[in-house]
Protein backbone atom coordinates (compact mmCIF):
# COMPACT_ATOMS: atom_id res chain seq x y z
CA UNK A 1 -2.07 -13.50 -2.51
CA UNK A 2 -0.78 -13.20 -6.03
CA UNK A 3 -2.12 -10.74 -8.58
CA UNK A 4 -2.57 -13.77 -10.83
CA UNK A 5 -5.20 -15.11 -8.39
CA UNK A 6 -7.29 -11.93 -8.76
CA UNK A 7 -9.54 -13.20 -11.61
CA UNK A 8 -10.50 -16.28 -9.59
CA UNK A 9 -11.43 -14.09 -6.62
CA UNK A 10 -13.59 -11.49 -8.40
CA UNK A 11 -14.58 -13.36 -11.55
CA UNK A 12 -12.76 -13.21 -14.87
CA UNK A 13 -15.45 -11.01 -16.44
CA UNK A 14 -14.86 -8.39 -13.73
CA UNK A 15 -11.13 -7.90 -14.32
CA UNK A 16 -11.18 -6.09 -17.66
CA UNK A 17 -9.62 -2.63 -17.31
CA UNK A 18 -8.49 -3.04 -13.69
CA UNK A 19 -5.11 -1.45 -12.92
CA UNK A 20 -2.47 -2.70 -10.54
CA UNK A 21 1.22 -2.10 -10.10
CA UNK A 22 4.01 -4.52 -10.78
CA UNK A 23 7.75 -4.75 -10.90
CA UNK A 24 8.19 -7.52 -13.47
CA UNK A 25 6.47 -9.09 -16.44
CA UNK A 26 7.53 -12.08 -18.57
CA UNK A 27 7.96 -10.12 -21.82
CA UNK A 28 10.44 -7.67 -20.28
CA UNK A 29 13.67 -7.11 -22.20
CA UNK A 30 15.76 -6.94 -19.02
CA UNK A 31 19.07 -8.73 -18.58
CA UNK A 32 18.61 -12.46 -18.07
CA UNK A 33 14.82 -12.35 -18.30
CA UNK A 34 14.50 -14.66 -21.31
CA UNK A 35 16.77 -17.21 -19.61
CA UNK A 36 14.81 -16.92 -16.35
CA UNK A 37 11.46 -17.48 -18.08
CA UNK A 38 12.80 -20.44 -20.10
CA UNK A 39 14.36 -22.09 -17.03
CA UNK A 40 11.20 -21.53 -14.98
CA UNK A 41 8.95 -23.04 -17.64
CA UNK A 42 11.30 -25.98 -18.16
CA UNK A 43 11.13 -26.82 -14.46
CA UNK A 44 7.54 -25.86 -13.54
CA UNK A 45 5.78 -25.87 -16.95
CA UNK A 46 2.70 -23.70 -17.52
CA UNK A 47 2.78 -20.39 -19.35
CA UNK A 48 5.01 -17.35 -18.99
CA UNK A 49 2.02 -15.19 -18.03
CA UNK A 50 1.37 -17.52 -15.07
CA UNK A 51 4.79 -16.86 -13.50
CA UNK A 52 4.30 -14.91 -10.28
CA UNK A 53 6.38 -11.74 -9.99
CA UNK A 54 7.61 -12.95 -6.59
CA UNK A 55 9.59 -15.66 -8.38
CA UNK A 56 11.23 -13.05 -10.60
CA UNK A 57 11.98 -10.91 -7.55
CA UNK A 58 13.69 -13.82 -5.81
CA UNK A 59 15.70 -14.52 -8.96
CA UNK A 60 16.71 -10.84 -9.15
CA UNK A 61 18.03 -11.04 -5.58
CA UNK A 62 20.21 -13.94 -6.66
CA UNK A 63 21.45 -11.97 -9.67
CA UNK A 64 22.39 -9.03 -7.45
CA UNK A 65 24.15 -11.08 -4.78
CA UNK A 66 26.07 -12.97 -7.47
CA UNK A 67 27.13 -9.70 -9.14
CA UNK A 68 28.23 -8.12 -5.84
CA UNK A 69 30.12 -11.26 -4.79
CA UNK A 70 31.87 -11.38 -8.15
CA UNK A 71 32.80 -7.70 -7.95
CA UNK A 72 33.91 -7.61 -4.30
CA UNK A 73 34.85 -11.26 -3.66
CA UNK A 74 32.70 -11.00 -0.54
CA UNK A 75 29.17 -11.67 0.72
CA UNK A 76 29.71 -9.76 3.94
CA UNK A 77 26.50 -7.86 4.67
CA UNK A 78 28.20 -4.46 5.13
CA UNK A 79 30.18 -4.94 1.92
CA UNK A 80 27.05 -5.94 0.01
CA UNK A 81 25.10 -2.90 1.26
CA UNK A 82 27.95 -0.47 0.59
CA UNK A 83 28.44 -1.89 -2.90
CA UNK A 84 24.73 -1.84 -3.76
CA UNK A 85 24.57 1.87 -3.03
CA UNK A 86 27.14 2.49 -5.77
CA UNK A 87 25.61 2.18 -9.20
CA UNK A 88 22.84 0.31 -10.94
CA UNK A 89 22.49 -3.46 -10.97
CA UNK A 90 20.98 -5.18 -14.02
CA UNK A 91 18.37 -7.83 -13.15
CA UNK A 92 15.27 -9.46 -14.61
CA UNK A 93 13.37 -6.59 -12.94
CA UNK A 94 15.45 -3.93 -14.68
CA UNK A 95 18.39 -1.86 -13.48
CA UNK A 96 18.02 -1.60 -9.72
CA UNK A 97 19.61 1.01 -7.47
CA UNK A 98 19.07 2.40 -3.98
CA UNK A 99 19.45 5.77 -2.31
CA UNK A 100 21.66 6.42 0.72
CA UNK A 101 18.84 5.34 3.05
CA UNK A 102 18.33 2.02 1.31
CA UNK A 103 15.09 2.94 -0.43
CA UNK A 104 14.82 1.75 -4.03
CA UNK A 105 15.11 4.36 -6.76
CA UNK A 106 12.72 4.25 -9.68
CA UNK A 107 9.07 3.40 -9.98
CA UNK A 108 6.77 0.46 -10.44
CA UNK A 109 5.13 -0.54 -13.67
CA UNK A 110 1.44 0.19 -14.16
CA UNK A 111 -0.25 -3.00 -15.34
CA UNK A 112 -3.82 -3.59 -16.45
CA UNK A 113 -6.02 -6.63 -16.97
CA UNK A 114 -6.65 -6.71 -20.74
CA UNK A 115 -8.41 -9.67 -22.37
CA UNK A 116 -7.57 -11.91 -19.41
CA UNK A 117 -3.88 -10.96 -19.30
CA UNK A 118 -2.04 -8.68 -16.90
CA UNK A 119 -0.11 -6.38 -19.27
CA UNK A 120 2.17 -3.37 -18.67
CA UNK A 121 0.60 -0.11 -19.86
CA UNK A 122 3.03 2.44 -18.34
CA UNK A 123 5.72 3.70 -18.57
CA UNK A 124 5.33 3.99 -22.30
CA UNK A 125 8.81 2.56 -22.89
CA UNK A 126 7.70 -0.75 -21.33
CA UNK A 127 4.03 -0.75 -22.35
CA UNK A 128 2.70 -3.70 -24.32
CA UNK A 129 -0.76 -2.15 -24.60
CA UNK A 130 -2.43 1.24 -24.24
CA UNK A 131 -4.56 1.73 -21.12
CA UNK A 132 -8.21 0.86 -21.65
CA UNK A 133 -10.41 3.94 -22.00
CA UNK A 134 -13.23 4.26 -21.47
CA UNK A 135 -13.38 1.64 -18.76
CA UNK A 136 -15.96 -1.14 -19.08
CA UNK A 137 -19.00 -1.23 -16.81
CA UNK A 138 -18.35 -3.61 -13.95
CA UNK A 139 -21.18 -5.47 -12.27
């Protein structure tokens, strides 16, 4: 299930101060993110905060494959893998890169439910809010 479904599962009043991890958020300043959010909202409507991170992840895959194909003139799987292991690839999720074993380099974003919104709170360079402290009493 989506992190955005969490409030409906536990009750909106019980989400305040709850942490989770994420890899994308609609306010990110990453390459192509504004265009992605605008295109998504034009097609599906709603609000930017209601866009599931899985949609951004799928879009990022498309960005990467397009960039590799443009660079190598190939979509051969071995060529794609070899190319991806050389450098960083700008996407709506940030600059992605992988180690020699294929594991992603970098870290997730710490997000927190604050006033009904799932907002990044760490790393500081991406934070839109400070972490809530002290935590509220949950029932």
